[in-house]
Amino acid sequence: MTLTRRLLLYAVGLLIGGGLAWWSFGERLTNAAWTPRERIKLRVAATLVRGTPETLAGLQARGLDLDAVRRAIPRSEVLLPRTRRSGDSLFYTLRTPMDPDTLTLEVQVFEDHRRDSTATLVRVH
């Protein structure tokens, strides 16, 4: 078998394999939504529905509400080294760019999302 034929067969196999992968995985094949940081952002953005009274008052003092914070989470940076575990809860720290400045959010979620799937905004710096 000549080198040209080998390269041609390799290219055909690469195209067929790429097409099957795209058909199987679609958009997940080209985005980074499978990484831990992206999974955390997806979970928090989808489930952030409440905050502590102190946190909500701090947001109102800045002219923000919980919905504005939730919309900004996809642009956030998850600080994984600052993640802490307490009992059955996980506390994630996210650095979120908002209009005038950058906020550091601490969000509490339950480790077992089947028990309670909501996230709570615990602290804003």
PDB file of N, CA and C in Angstrom:
ATOM      1  N   MET A   1       0.849  -1.162   0.000  1.00  0.00           N
ATOM      2  CA  MET A   1       0.000   0.000   0.000  1.00  0.00           C
ATOM      3  C   MET A   1       0.904   1.237   0.000  1.00  0.00           C
ATOM      4  N   THR A   2       0.601   2.178  -0.858  1.00  0.00           N
ATOM      5  CA  THR A   2       1.438   3.369  -0.982  1.00  0.00           C
ATOM      6  C   THR A   2       1.086   4.378   0.111  1.00  0.00           C
ATOM      7  N   LEU A   3       1.969   5.313   0.321  1.00  0.00           N
ATOM      8  CA  LEU A   3       1.758   6.341   1.335  1.00  0.00           C
ATOM      9  C   LEU A   3       0.551   7.207   1.006  1.00  0.00           C
ATOM     10  N   THR A   4       0.353   7.499  -0.263  1.00  0.00           N
ATOM     11  CA  THR A   4      -0.787   8.311  -0.677  1.00  0.00           C
ATOM     12  C   THR A   4      -2.097   7.617  -0.327  1.00  0.00           C
ATOM     13  N   ARG A   5      -2.168   6.331  -0.607  1.00  0.00           N
ATOM     14  CA  ARG A   5      -3.394   5.576  -0.295  1.00  0.00           C
ATOM     15  C   ARG A   5      -3.631   5.526   1.215  1.00  0.00           C
ATOM     16  N   ARG A   6      -2.574   5.338   2.001  1.00  0.00           N
ATOM     17  CA  ARG A   6      -2.712   5.315   3.459  1.00  0.00           C
ATOM     18  C   ARG A   6      -3.241   6.655   3.975  1.00  0.00           C
ATOM     19  N   LEU A   7      -2.686   7.755   3.488  1.00  0.00           N
ATOM     20  CA  LEU A   7      -3.147   9.078   3.913  1.00  0.00           C
ATOM     21  C   LEU A   7      -4.593   9.323   3.503  1.00  0.00           C
ATOM     22  N   LEU A   8      -4.986   8.871   2.320  1.00  0.00           N
ATOM     23  CA  LEU A   8      -6.353   9.020   1.856  1.00  0.00           C
ATOM     24  C   LEU A   8      -7.314   8.224   2.749  1.00  0.00           C
ATOM     25  N   LEU A   9      -6.982   6.995   3.062  1.00  0.00           N
ATOM     26  CA  LEU A   9      -7.832   6.177   3.933  1.00  0.00           C
ATOM     27  C   LEU A   9      -7.896   6.765   5.349  1.00  0.00           C
ATOM     28  N   TYR A  10      -6.775   7.285   5.826  1.00  0.00           N
ATOM     29  CA  TYR A  10      -6.757   7.928   7.138  1.00  0.00           C
ATOM     30  C   TYR A  10      -7.687   9.137   7.152  1.00  0.00           C
ATOM     31  N   ALA A  11      -7.647   9.959   6.104  1.00  0.00           N
ATOM     32  CA  ALA A  11      -8.501  11.143   6.018  1.00  0.00           C
ATOM     33  C   ALA A  11      -9.971  10.744   5.954  1.00  0.00           C
ATOM     34  N   VAL A  12     -10.300   9.711   5.193  1.00  0.00           N
ATOM     35  CA  VAL A  12     -11.686   9.251   5.112  1.00  0.00           C
ATOM     36  C   VAL A  12     -12.150   8.765   6.477  1.00  0.00           C
ATOM     37  N   GLY A  13     -11.338   7.997   7.170  1.00  0.00           N
ATOM     38  CA  GLY A  13     -11.691   7.524   8.507  1.00  0.00           C
ATOM     39  C   GLY A  13     -11.849   8.662   9.495  1.00  0.00           C
ATOM     40  N   LEU A  14     -10.991   9.668   9.380  1.00  0.00           N
ATOM     41  CA  LEU A  14     -11.086  10.839  10.243  1.00  0.00           C
ATOM     42  C   LEU A  14     -12.388  11.586   9.997  1.00  0.00           C
ATOM     43  N   LEU A  15     -12.772  11.744   8.739  1.00  0.00           N
ATOM     44  CA  LEU A  15     -14.037  12.411   8.420  1.00  0.00           C
ATOM     45  C   LEU A  15     -15.241  11.613   8.915  1.00  0.00           C
ATOM     46  N   ILE A  16     -15.233  10.319   8.714  1.00  0.00           N
ATOM     47  CA  ILE A  16     -16.351   9.499   9.180  1.00  0.00           C
ATOM     48  C   ILE A  16     -16.438   9.536  10.709  1.00  0.00           C
ATOM     49  N   GLY A  17     -15.305   9.405  11.391  1.00  0.00           N
ATOM     50  CA  GLY A  17     -15.288   9.458  12.853  1.00  0.00           C
ATOM     51  C   GLY A  17     -15.719  10.816  13.387  1.00  0.00           C
ATOM     52  N   GLY A  18     -15.264  11.875  12.750  1.00  0.00           N
ATOM     53  CA  GLY A  18     -15.679  13.221  13.158  1.00  0.00           C
ATOM     54  C   GLY A  18     -17.166  13.437  12.965  1.00  0.00           C
ATOM     55  N   GLY A  19     -17.702  12.940  11.841  1.00  0.00           N
ATOM     56  CA  GLY A  19     -19.136  13.067  11.589  1.00  0.00           C
ATOM     57  C   GLY A  19     -19.962  12.296  12.601  1.00  0.00           C
ATOM     58  N   LEU A  20     -19.526  11.083  12.938  1.00  0.00           N
ATOM     59  CA  LEU A  20     -20.249  10.300  13.941  1.00  0.00           C
ATOM     60  C   LEU A  20     -20.174  10.949  15.326  1.00  0.00           C
ATOM     61  N   ALA A  21     -19.028  11.504  15.667  1.00  0.00           N
ATOM     62  CA  ALA A  21     -18.899  12.189  16.950  1.00  0.00           C
ATOM     63  C   ALA A  21     -19.804  13.416  17.004  1.00  0.00           C
ATOM     64  N   TRP A  22     -19.860  14.189  15.926  1.00  0.00           N
ATOM     65  CA  TRP A  22     -20.736  15.365  15.883  1.00  0.00           C
ATOM     66  C   TRP A  22     -22.193  14.941  15.959  1.00  0.00           C
ATOM     67  N   TRP A  23     -22.550  13.867  15.281  1.00  0.00           N
ATOM     68  CA  TRP A  23     -23.926  13.382  15.309  1.00  0.00           C
ATOM     69  C   TRP A  23     -24.283  12.901  16.715  1.00  0.00           C
ATOM     70  N   SER A  24     -23.346  12.275  17.420  1.00  0.00           N
ATOM     71  CA  SER A  24     -23.617  11.752  18.762  1.00  0.00           C
ATOM     72  C   SER A  24     -23.631  12.841  19.824  1.00  0.00           C
ATOM     73  N   PHE A  25     -22.665  13.761  19.777  1.00  0.00           N
ATOM     74  CA  PHE A  25     -22.500  14.724  20.858  1.00  0.00           C
ATOM     75  C   PHE A  25     -22.952  16.133  20.511  1.00  0.00           C
ATOM     76  N   GLY A  26     -23.033  16.487  19.278  1.00  0.00           N
ATOM     77  CA  GLY A  26     -23.508  17.808  18.866  1.00  0.00           C
ATOM     78  C   GLY A  26     -22.656  18.936  19.420  1.00  0.00           C
ATOM     79  N   GLU A  27     -23.324  19.954  19.984  1.00  0.00           N
ATOM     80  CA  GLU A  27     -22.631  21.133  20.503  1.00  0.00           C
ATOM     81  C   GLU A  27     -21.697  20.805  21.673  1.00  0.00           C
ATOM     82  N   ARG A  28     -21.998  19.756  22.418  1.00  0.00           N
ATOM     83  CA  ARG A  28     -21.144  19.407  23.549  1.00  0.00           C
ATOM     84  C   ARG A  28     -19.738  19.043  23.105  1.00  0.00           C
ATOM     85  N   LEU A  29     -19.573  18.713  21.850  1.00  0.00           N
ATOM     86  CA  LEU A  29     -18.266  18.333  21.329  1.00  0.00           C
ATOM     87  C   LEU A  29     -17.329  19.534  21.225  1.00  0.00           C
ATOM     88  N   THR A  30     -17.877  20.723  20.975  1.00  0.00           N
ATOM     89  CA  THR A  30     -17.043  21.890  20.728  1.00  0.00           C
ATOM     90  C   THR A  30     -17.035  22.908  21.850  1.00  0.00           C
ATOM     91  N   ASN A  31     -17.852  22.748  22.889  1.00  0.00           N
ATOM     92  CA  ASN A  31     -17.804  23.711  23.977  1.00  0.00           C
ATOM     93  C   ASN A  31     -17.157  23.074  25.199  1.00  0.00           C
ATOM     94  N   ALA A  32     -16.941  23.850  26.221  1.00  0.00           N
ATOM     95  CA  ALA A  32     -16.274  23.344  27.421  1.00  0.00           C
ATOM     96  C   ALA A  32     -17.266  23.130  28.548  1.00  0.00           C
ATOM     97  N   ALA A  33     -18.522  22.882  28.253  1.00  0.00           N
ATOM     98  CA  ALA A  33     -19.552  22.729  29.279  1.00  0.00           C
ATOM     99  C   ALA A  33     -19.357  21.470  30.117  1.00  0.00           C
ATOM    100  N   TRP A  34     -18.429  20.641  29.768  1.00  0.00           N
ATOM    101  CA  TRP A  34     -18.208  19.416  30.520  1.00  0.00           C
ATOM    102  C   TRP A  34     -17.148  19.579  31.600  1.00  0.00           C
ATOM    103  N   THR A  35     -16.447  20.709  31.637  1.00  0.00           N
ATOM    104  CA  THR A  35     -15.414  20.912  32.649  1.00  0.00           C
ATOM    105  C   THR A  35     -16.061  21.215  33.998  1.00  0.00           C
ATOM    106  N   PRO A  36     -15.374  20.944  35.107  1.00  0.00           N
ATOM    107  CA  PRO A  36     -15.967  21.187  36.425  1.00  0.00           C
ATOM    108  C   PRO A  36     -16.407  22.633  36.634  1.00  0.00           C
ATOM    109  N   ARG A  37     -15.589  23.583  36.206  1.00  0.00           N
ATOM    110  CA  ARG A  37     -15.964  24.989  36.394  1.00  0.00           C
ATOM    111  C   ARG A  37     -17.238  25.341  35.629  1.00  0.00           C
ATOM    112  N   GLU A  38     -17.367  24.864  34.415  1.00  0.00           N
ATOM    113  CA  GLU A  38     -18.559  25.151  33.619  1.00  0.00           C
ATOM    114  C   GLU A  38     -19.789  24.449  34.186  1.00  0.00           C
ATOM    115  N   ARG A  39     -19.627  23.235  34.703  1.00  0.00           N
ATOM    116  CA  ARG A  39     -20.750  22.516  35.310  1.00  0.00           C
ATOM    117  C   ARG A  39     -21.241  23.252  36.553  1.00  0.00           C
ATOM    118  N   ILE A  40     -20.312  23.800  37.340  1.00  0.00           N
ATOM    119  CA  ILE A  40     -20.690  24.569  38.525  1.00  0.00           C
ATOM    120  C   ILE A  40     -21.452  25.813  38.113  1.00  0.00           C
ATOM    121  N   LYS A  41     -20.965  26.522  37.098  1.00  0.00           N
ATOM    122  CA  LYS A  41     -21.661  27.732  36.644  1.00  0.00           C
ATOM    123  C   LYS A  41     -23.055  27.409  36.116  1.00  0.00           C
ATOM    124  N   LEU A  42     -23.184  26.321  35.369  1.00  0.00           N
ATOM    125  CA  LEU A  42     -24.505  25.922  34.877  1.00  0.00           C
ATOM    126  C   LEU A  42     -25.454  25.607  36.021  1.00  0.00           C
ATOM    127  N   ARG A  43     -24.961  24.876  37.010  1.00  0.00           N
ATOM    128  CA  ARG A  43     -25.820  24.513  38.139  1.00  0.00           C
ATOM    129  C   ARG A  43     -26.245  25.737  38.929  1.00  0.00           C
ATOM    130  N   VAL A  44     -25.299  26.631  39.225  1.00  0.00           N
ATOM    131  CA  VAL A  44     -25.625  27.816  40.021  1.00  0.00           C
ATOM    132  C   VAL A  44     -26.553  28.750  39.245  1.00  0.00           C
ATOM    133  N   ALA A  45     -26.291  28.957  37.971  1.00  0.00           N
ATOM    134  CA  ALA A  45     -27.147  29.851  37.177  1.00  0.00           C
ATOM    135  C   ALA A  45     -28.573  29.319  37.072  1.00  0.00           C
ATOM    136  N   ALA A  46     -28.717  28.009  37.036  1.00  0.00           N
ATOM    137  CA  ALA A  46     -30.050  27.420  36.894  1.00  0.00           C
ATOM    138  C   ALA A  46     -30.801  27.337  38.211  1.00  0.00           C
ATOM    139  N   THR A  47     -30.090  27.306  39.347  1.00  0.00           N
ATOM    140  CA  THR A  47     -30.765  27.033  40.612  1.00  0.00           C
ATOM    141  C   THR A  47     -30.676  28.154  41.637  1.00  0.00           C
ATOM    142  N   LEU A  48     -30.012  29.252  41.334  1.00  0.00           N
ATOM    143  CA  LEU A  48     -29.894  30.352  42.297  1.00  0.00           C
ATOM    144  C   LEU A  48     -31.239  31.069  42.398  1.00  0.00           C
ATOM    145  N   VAL A  49     -31.971  30.811  43.475  1.00  0.00           N
ATOM    146  CA  VAL A  49     -33.313  31.377  43.614  1.00  0.00           C
ATOM    147  C   VAL A  49     -33.502  32.155  44.905  1.00  0.00           C
ATOM    148  N   ARG A  50     -32.529  32.088  45.811  1.00  0.00           N
ATOM    149  CA  ARG A  50     -32.705  32.800  47.073  1.00  0.00           C
ATOM    150  C   ARG A  50     -31.355  33.253  47.606  1.00  0.00           C
ATOM    151  N   GLY A  51     -31.428  34.152  48.557  1.00  0.00           N
ATOM    152  CA  GLY A  51     -30.235  34.649  49.223  1.00  0.00           C
ATOM    153  C   GLY A  51     -30.556  34.945  50.665  1.00  0.00           C
ATOM    154  N   THR A  52     -29.532  35.075  51.482  1.00  0.00           N
ATOM    155  CA  THR A  52     -29.758  35.442  52.876  1.00  0.00           C
ATOM    156  C   THR A  52     -30.234  36.897  52.919  1.00  0.00           C
ATOM    157  N   PRO A  53     -30.960  37.282  53.959  1.00  0.00           N
ATOM    158  CA  PRO A  53     -31.442  38.680  54.032  1.00  0.00           C
ATOM    159  C   PRO A  53     -30.311  39.704  53.973  1.00  0.00           C
ATOM    160  N   GLU A  54     -29.181  39.395  54.626  1.00  0.00           N
ATOM    161  CA  GLU A  54     -28.048  40.334  54.603  1.00  0.00           C
ATOM    162  C   GLU A  54     -27.491  40.482  53.194  1.00  0.00           C
ATOM    163  N   THR A  55     -27.408  39.372  52.482  1.00  0.00           N
ATOM    164  CA  THR A  55     -26.873  39.396  51.118  1.00  0.00           C
ATOM    165  C   THR A  55     -27.805  40.157  50.183  1.00  0.00           C
ATOM    166  N   LEU A  56     -29.099  39.919  50.304  1.00  0.00           N
ATOM    167  CA  LEU A  56     -30.057  40.632  49.453  1.00  0.00           C
ATOM    168  C   LEU A  56     -30.040  42.129  49.751  1.00  0.00           C
ATOM    169  N   ALA A  57     -29.874  42.506  51.022  1.00  0.00           N
ATOM    170  CA  ALA A  57     -29.769  43.926  51.373  1.00  0.00           C
ATOM    171  C   ALA A  57     -28.492  44.536  50.783  1.00  0.00           C
ATOM    172  N   GLY A  58     -27.401  43.769  50.813  1.00  0.00           N
ATOM    173  CA  GLY A  58     -26.153  44.249  50.215  1.00  0.00           C
ATOM    174  C   GLY A  58     -26.270  44.426  48.713  1.00  0.00           C
ATOM    175  N   LEU A  59     -26.997  43.526  48.051  1.00  0.00           N
ATOM    176  CA  LEU A  59     -27.219  43.678  46.612  1.00  0.00           C
ATOM    177  C   LEU A  59     -28.063  44.904  46.316  1.00  0.00           C
ATOM    178  N   GLN A  60     -29.122  45.127  47.108  1.00  0.00           N
ATOM    179  CA  GLN A  60     -29.974  46.299  46.899  1.00  0.00           C
ATOM    180  C   GLN A  60     -29.194  47.587  47.109  1.00  0.00           C
ATOM    181  N   ALA A  61     -28.246  47.585  48.065  1.00  0.00           N
ATOM    182  CA  ALA A  61     -27.423  48.772  48.295  1.00  0.00           C
ATOM    183  C   ALA A  61     -26.553  49.081  47.082  1.00  0.00           C
ATOM    184  N   ARG A  62     -26.193  48.046  46.321  1.00  0.00           N
ATOM    185  CA  ARG A  62     -25.412  48.238  45.099  1.00  0.00           C
ATOM    186  C   ARG A  62     -26.298  48.488  43.880  1.00  0.00           C
ATOM    187  N   GLY A  63     -27.603  48.438  44.064  1.00  0.00           N
ATOM    188  CA  GLY A  63     -28.526  48.646  42.950  1.00  0.00           C
ATOM    189  C   GLY A  63     -28.715  47.393  42.108  1.00  0.00           C
ATOM    190  N   LEU A  64     -28.508  46.232  42.704  1.00  0.00           N
ATOM    191  CA  LEU A  64     -28.627  44.963  41.980  1.00  0.00           C
ATOM    192  C   LEU A  64     -29.704  44.105  42.615  1.00  0.00           C
ATOM    193  N   ASP A  65     -30.122  43.100  41.892  1.00  0.00           N
ATOM    194  CA  ASP A  65     -31.030  42.112  42.451  1.00  0.00           C
ATOM    195  C   ASP A  65     -30.512  40.718  42.115  1.00  0.00           C
ATOM    196  N   LEU A  66     -31.183  39.712  42.643  1.00  0.00           N
ATOM    197  CA  LEU A  66     -30.739  38.335  42.461  1.00  0.00           C
ATOM    198  C   LEU A  66     -30.804  37.908  40.999  1.00  0.00           C
ATOM    199  N   ASP A  67     -31.766  38.427  40.268  1.00  0.00           N
ATOM    200  CA  ASP A  67     -31.887  38.079  38.847  1.00  0.00           C
ATOM    201  C   ASP A  67     -30.700  38.613  38.038  1.00  0.00           C
ATOM    202  N   ALA A  68     -30.244  39.808  38.349  1.00  0.00           N
ATOM    203  CA  ALA A  68     -29.078  40.371  37.652  1.00  0.00           C
ATOM    204  C   ALA A  68     -27.828  39.548  37.943  1.00  0.00           C
ATOM    205  N   VAL A  69     -27.695  39.096  39.176  1.00  0.00           N
ATOM    206  CA  VAL A  69     -26.549  38.252  39.538  1.00  0.00           C
ATOM    207  C   VAL A  69     -26.624  36.934  38.780  1.00  0.00           C
ATOM    208  N   ARG A  70     -27.814  36.339  38.723  1.00  0.00           N
ATOM    209  CA  ARG A  70     -27.983  35.057  38.026  1.00  0.00           C
ATOM    210  C   ARG A  70     -27.650  35.187  36.540  1.00  0.00           C
ATOM    211  N   ARG A  71     -28.014  36.301  35.929  1.00  0.00           N
ATOM    212  CA  ARG A  71     -27.699  36.506  34.505  1.00  0.00           C
ATOM    213  C   ARG A  71     -26.205  36.713  34.275  1.00  0.00           C
ATOM    214  N   ALA A  72     -25.480  37.190  35.282  1.00  0.00           N
ATOM    215  CA  ALA A  72     -24.039  37.439  35.136  1.00  0.00           C
ATOM    216  C   ALA A  72     -23.197  36.204  35.417  1.00  0.00           C
ATOM    217  N   ILE A  73     -23.773  35.163  35.964  1.00  0.00           N
ATOM    218  CA  ILE A  73     -22.998  33.978  36.346  1.00  0.00           C
ATOM    219  C   ILE A  73     -22.310  33.293  35.165  1.00  0.00           C
ATOM    220  N   PRO A  74     -22.898  33.206  33.973  1.00  0.00           N
ATOM    221  CA  PRO A  74     -22.154  32.571  32.870  1.00  0.00           C
ATOM    222  C   PRO A  74     -20.829  33.248  32.531  1.00  0.00           C
ATOM    223  N   ARG A  75     -20.665  34.514  32.885  1.00  0.00           N
ATOM    224  CA  ARG A  75     -19.400  35.217  32.643  1.00  0.00           C
ATOM    225  C   ARG A  75     -18.466  35.142  33.853  1.00  0.00           C
ATOM    226  N   SER A  76     -18.872  34.431  34.887  1.00  0.00           N
ATOM    227  CA  SER A  76     -18.106  34.357  36.135  1.00  0.00           C
ATOM    228  C   SER A  76     -16.895  33.444  36.011  1.00  0.00           C
ATOM    229  N   GLU A  77     -16.023  33.593  36.984  1.00  0.00           N
ATOM    230  CA  GLU A  77     -14.873  32.703  37.122  1.00  0.00           C
ATOM    231  C   GLU A  77     -15.059  31.945  38.428  1.00  0.00           C
ATOM    232  N   VAL A  78     -15.045  30.623  38.372  1.00  0.00           N
ATOM    233  CA  VAL A  78     -15.190  29.794  39.565  1.00  0.00           C
ATOM    234  C   VAL A  78     -13.813  29.616  40.193  1.00  0.00           C
ATOM    235  N   LEU A  79     -13.708  29.935  41.461  1.00  0.00           N
ATOM    236  CA  LEU A  79     -12.447  29.802  42.186  1.00  0.00           C
ATOM    237  C   LEU A  79     -12.468  28.458  42.925  1.00  0.00           C
ATOM    238  N   LEU A  80     -12.061  27.398  42.232  1.00  0.00           N
ATOM    239  CA  LEU A  80     -12.132  26.048  42.793  1.00  0.00           C
ATOM    240  C   LEU A  80     -11.301  25.861  44.063  1.00  0.00           C
ATOM    241  N   PRO A  81     -10.118  26.465  44.198  1.00  0.00           N
ATOM    242  CA  PRO A  81      -9.367  26.260  45.451  1.00  0.00           C
ATOM    243  C   PRO A  81     -10.096  26.809  46.683  1.00  0.00           C
ATOM    244  N   ARG A  82     -11.025  27.732  46.485  1.00  0.00           N
ATOM    245  CA  ARG A  82     -11.750  28.305  47.622  1.00  0.00           C
ATOM    246  C   ARG A  82     -13.067  27.573  47.899  1.00  0.00           C
ATOM    247  N   THR A  83     -13.330  26.495  47.178  1.00  0.00           N
ATOM    248  CA  THR A  83     -14.521  25.695  47.438  1.00  0.00           C
ATOM    249  C   THR A  83     -14.340  24.970  48.761  1.00  0.00           C
ATOM    250  N   ARG A  84     -15.389  25.010  49.587  1.00  0.00           N
ATOM    251  CA  ARG A  84     -15.291  24.288  50.848  1.00  0.00           C
ATOM    252  C   ARG A  84     -16.540  23.444  51.051  1.00  0.00           C
ATOM    253  N   ARG A  85     -16.369  22.420  51.842  1.00  0.00           N
ATOM    254  CA  ARG A  85     -17.443  21.462  52.118  1.00  0.00           C
ATOM    255  C   ARG A  85     -17.757  21.537  53.606  1.00  0.00           C
ATOM    256  N   SER A  86     -19.038  21.581  53.911  1.00  0.00           N
ATOM    257  CA  SER A  86     -19.462  21.594  55.303  1.00  0.00           C
ATOM    258  C   SER A  86     -20.666  20.673  55.430  1.00  0.00           C
ATOM    259  N   GLY A  87     -20.446  19.510  55.986  1.00  0.00           N
ATOM    260  CA  GLY A  87     -21.531  18.539  56.096  1.00  0.00           C
ATOM    261  C   GLY A  87     -22.001  18.099  54.720  1.00  0.00           C
ATOM    262  N   ASP A  88     -23.261  18.350  54.435  1.00  0.00           N
ATOM    263  CA  ASP A  88     -23.808  17.966  53.129  1.00  0.00           C
ATOM    264  C   ASP A  88     -23.899  19.142  52.167  1.00  0.00           C
ATOM    265  N   SER A  89     -23.256  20.265  52.506  1.00  0.00           N
ATOM    266  CA  SER A  89     -23.302  21.460  51.661  1.00  0.00           C
ATOM    267  C   SER A  89     -21.949  21.730  51.020  1.00  0.00           C
ATOM    268  N   LEU A  90     -22.000  22.315  49.842  1.00  0.00           N
ATOM    269  CA  LEU A  90     -20.810  22.806  49.158  1.00  0.00           C
ATOM    270  C   LEU A  90     -20.925  24.316  49.053  1.00  0.00           C
ATOM    271  N   PHE A  91     -19.836  25.016  49.289  1.00  0.00           N
ATOM    272  CA  PHE A  91     -19.804  26.467  49.171  1.00  0.00           C
ATOM    273  C   PHE A  91     -18.850  26.827  48.040  1.00  0.00           C
ATOM    274  N   TYR A  92     -19.407  27.329  46.955  1.00  0.00           N
ATOM    275  CA  TYR A  92     -18.612  27.723  45.799  1.00  0.00           C
ATOM    276  C   TYR A  92     -18.354  29.221  45.843  1.00  0.00           C
ATOM    277  N   THR A  93     -17.177  29.632  45.431  1.00  0.00           N
ATOM    278  CA  THR A  93     -16.829  31.042  45.330  1.00  0.00           C
ATOM    279  C   THR A  93     -16.687  31.387  43.857  1.00  0.00           C
ATOM    280  N   LEU A  94     -17.416  32.429  43.430  1.00  0.00           N
ATOM    281  CA  LEU A  94     -17.393  32.864  42.039  1.00  0.00           C
ATOM    282  C   LEU A  94     -17.020  34.337  41.978  1.00  0.00           C
ATOM    283  N   ARG A  95     -16.132  34.689  41.089  1.00  0.00           N
ATOM    284  CA  ARG A  95     -15.782  36.086  40.830  1.00  0.00           C
ATOM    285  C   ARG A  95     -16.590  36.513  39.608  1.00  0.00           C
ATOM    286  N   THR A  96     -17.534  37.417  39.851  1.00  0.00           N
ATOM    287  CA  THR A  96     -18.518  37.778  38.834  1.00  0.00           C
ATOM    288  C   THR A  96     -18.357  39.228  38.410  1.00  0.00           C
ATOM    289  N   PRO A  97     -18.145  39.490  37.122  1.00  0.00           N
ATOM    290  CA  PRO A  97     -18.069  40.884  36.667  1.00  0.00           C
ATOM    291  C   PRO A  97     -19.462  41.489  36.565  1.00  0.00           C
ATOM    292  N   MET A  98     -19.670  42.582  37.286  1.00  0.00           N
ATOM    293  CA  MET A  98     -20.905  43.352  37.194  1.00  0.00           C
ATOM    294  C   MET A  98     -20.510  44.722  36.626  1.00  0.00           C
ATOM    295  N   ASP A  99     -21.473  45.557  36.308  1.00  0.00           N
ATOM    296  CA  ASP A  99     -21.186  46.800  35.592  1.00  0.00           C
ATOM    297  C   ASP A  99     -20.105  47.673  36.226  1.00  0.00           C
ATOM    298  N   PRO A 100     -20.282  48.207  37.433  1.00  0.00           N
ATOM    299  CA  PRO A 100     -19.221  49.093  37.910  1.00  0.00           C
ATOM    300  C   PRO A 100     -17.987  48.365  38.432  1.00  0.00           C
ATOM    301  N   ASP A 101     -18.159  47.177  38.987  1.00  0.00           N
ATOM    302  CA  ASP A 101     -17.012  46.481  39.572  1.00  0.00           C
ATOM    303  C   ASP A 101     -17.197  44.969  39.469  1.00  0.00           C
ATOM    304  N   THR A 102     -16.335  44.241  40.154  1.00  0.00           N
ATOM    305  CA  THR A 102     -16.401  42.778  40.166  1.00  0.00           C
ATOM    306  C   THR A 102     -16.805  42.316  41.557  1.00  0.00           C
ATOM    307  N   LEU A 103     -17.797  41.447  41.626  1.00  0.00           N
ATOM    308  CA  LEU A 103     -18.264  40.916  42.894  1.00  0.00           C
ATOM    309  C   LEU A 103     -17.705  39.518  43.116  1.00  0.00           C
ATOM    310  N   THR A 104     -17.431  39.196  44.362  1.00  0.00           N
ATOM    311  CA  THR A 104     -17.064  37.837  44.736  1.00  0.00           C
ATOM    312  C   THR A 104     -18.251  37.248  45.478  1.00  0.00           C
ATOM    313  N   LEU A 105     -18.831  36.204  44.907  1.00  0.00           N
ATOM    314  CA  LEU A 105     -20.036  35.596  45.447  1.00  0.00           C
ATOM    315  C   LEU A 105     -19.687  34.284  46.130  1.00  0.00           C
ATOM    316  N   GLU A 106     -20.349  34.001  47.226  1.00  0.00           N
ATOM    317  CA  GLU A 106     -20.255  32.684  47.845  1.00  0.00           C
ATOM    318  C   GLU A 106     -21.653  32.082  47.794  1.00  0.00           C
ATOM    319  N   VAL A 107     -21.743  30.924  47.159  1.00  0.00           N
ATOM    320  CA  VAL A 107     -23.035  30.279  46.918  1.00  0.00           C
ATOM    321  C   VAL A 107     -23.030  28.917  47.585  1.00  0.00           C
ATOM    322  N   GLN A 108     -24.116  28.618  48.285  1.00  0.00           N
ATOM    323  CA  GLN A 108     -24.257  27.323  48.947  1.00  0.00           C
ATOM    324  C   GLN A 108     -25.198  26.437  48.142  1.00  0.00           C
ATOM    325  N   VAL A 109     -24.778  25.212  47.892  1.00  0.00           N
ATOM    326  CA  VAL A 109     -25.617  24.197  47.253  1.00  0.00           C
ATOM    327  C   VAL A 109     -25.485  22.907  48.054  1.00  0.00           C
ATOM    328  N   PHE A 110     -26.502  22.075  47.982  1.00  0.00           N
ATOM    329  CA  PHE A 110     -26.404  20.768  48.615  1.00  0.00           C
ATOM    330  C   PHE A 110     -25.635  19.827  47.704  1.00  0.00           C
ATOM    331  N   GLU A 111     -24.833  18.984  48.321  1.00  0.00           N
ATOM    332  CA  GLU A 111     -24.054  18.031  47.546  1.00  0.00           C
ATOM    333  C   GLU A 111     -24.972  17.085  46.777  1.00  0.00           C
ATOM    334  N   ASP A 112     -26.045  16.634  47.429  1.00  0.00           N
ATOM    335  CA  ASP A 112     -27.016  15.763  46.780  1.00  0.00           C
ATOM    336  C   ASP A 112     -28.127  16.640  46.206  1.00  0.00           C
ATOM    337  N   HIS A 113     -28.067  16.907  44.917  1.00  0.00           N
ATOM    338  CA  HIS A 113     -29.032  17.811  44.289  1.00  0.00           C
ATOM    339  C   HIS A 113     -30.441  17.226  44.256  1.00  0.00           C
ATOM    340  N   ARG A 114     -30.589  15.928  44.514  1.00  0.00           N
ATOM    341  CA  ARG A 114     -31.926  15.334  44.542  1.00  0.00           C
ATOM    342  C   ARG A 114     -32.664  15.727  45.814  1.00  0.00           C
ATOM    343  N   ARG A 115     -31.929  16.017  46.868  1.00  0.00           N
ATOM    344  CA  ARG A 115     -32.546  16.414  48.135  1.00  0.00           C
ATOM    345  C   ARG A 115     -33.080  17.842  48.072  1.00  0.00           C
ATOM    346  N   ASP A 116     -32.257  18.744  47.602  1.00  0.00           N
ATOM    347  CA  ASP A 116     -32.655  20.144  47.422  1.00  0.00           C
ATOM    348  C   ASP A 116     -31.790  20.694  46.298  1.00  0.00           C
ATOM    349  N   SER A 117     -32.417  21.084  45.212  1.00  0.00           N
ATOM    350  CA  SER A 117     -31.636  21.496  44.045  1.00  0.00           C
ATOM    351  C   SER A 117     -31.412  23.001  43.985  1.00  0.00           C
ATOM    352  N   THR A 118     -31.898  23.757  44.952  1.00  0.00           N
ATOM    353  CA  THR A 118     -31.747  25.210  44.893  1.00  0.00           C
ATOM    354  C   THR A 118     -30.400  25.638  45.446  1.00  0.00           C
ATOM    355  N   ALA A 119     -29.937  26.781  44.969  1.00  0.00           N
ATOM    356  CA  ALA A 119     -28.698  27.384  45.454  1.00  0.00           C
ATOM    357  C   ALA A 119     -29.041  28.650  46.219  1.00  0.00           C
ATOM    358  N   THR A 120     -28.256  28.948  47.232  1.00  0.00           N
ATOM    359  CA  THR A 120     -28.496  30.115  48.074  1.00  0.00           C
ATOM    360  C   THR A 120     -27.264  31.014  48.042  1.00  0.00           C
ATOM    361  N   LEU A 121     -27.482  32.285  47.775  1.00  0.00           N
ATOM    362  CA  LEU A 121     -26.396  33.268  47.814  1.00  0.00           C
ATOM    363  C   LEU A 121     -26.140  33.612  49.267  1.00  0.00           C
ATOM    364  N   VAL A 122     -24.957  33.249  49.757  1.00  0.00           N
ATOM    365  CA  VAL A 122     -24.653  33.391  51.179  1.00  0.00           C
ATOM    366  C   VAL A 122     -23.897  34.672  51.483  1.00  0.00           C
ATOM    367  N   ARG A 123     -22.978  35.064  50.596  1.00  0.00           N
ATOM    368  CA  ARG A 123     -22.129  36.216  50.874  1.00  0.00           C
ATOM    369  C   ARG A 123     -21.745  36.911  49.582  1.00  0.00           C
ATOM    370  N   VAL A 124     -21.645  38.241  49.659  1.00  0.00           N
ATOM    371  CA  VAL A 124     -21.182  39.047  48.531  1.00  0.00           C
ATOM    372  C   VAL A 124     -20.089  39.962  49.039  1.00  0.00           C
ATOM    373  N   HIS A 125     -18.940  39.952  48.378  1.00  0.00           N
ATOM    374  CA  HIS A 125     -17.822  40.826  48.759  1.00  0.00           C
ATOM    375  C   HIS A 125     -17.669  41.893  47.695  1.00  0.00           C
TER     376      HIS A 125
END
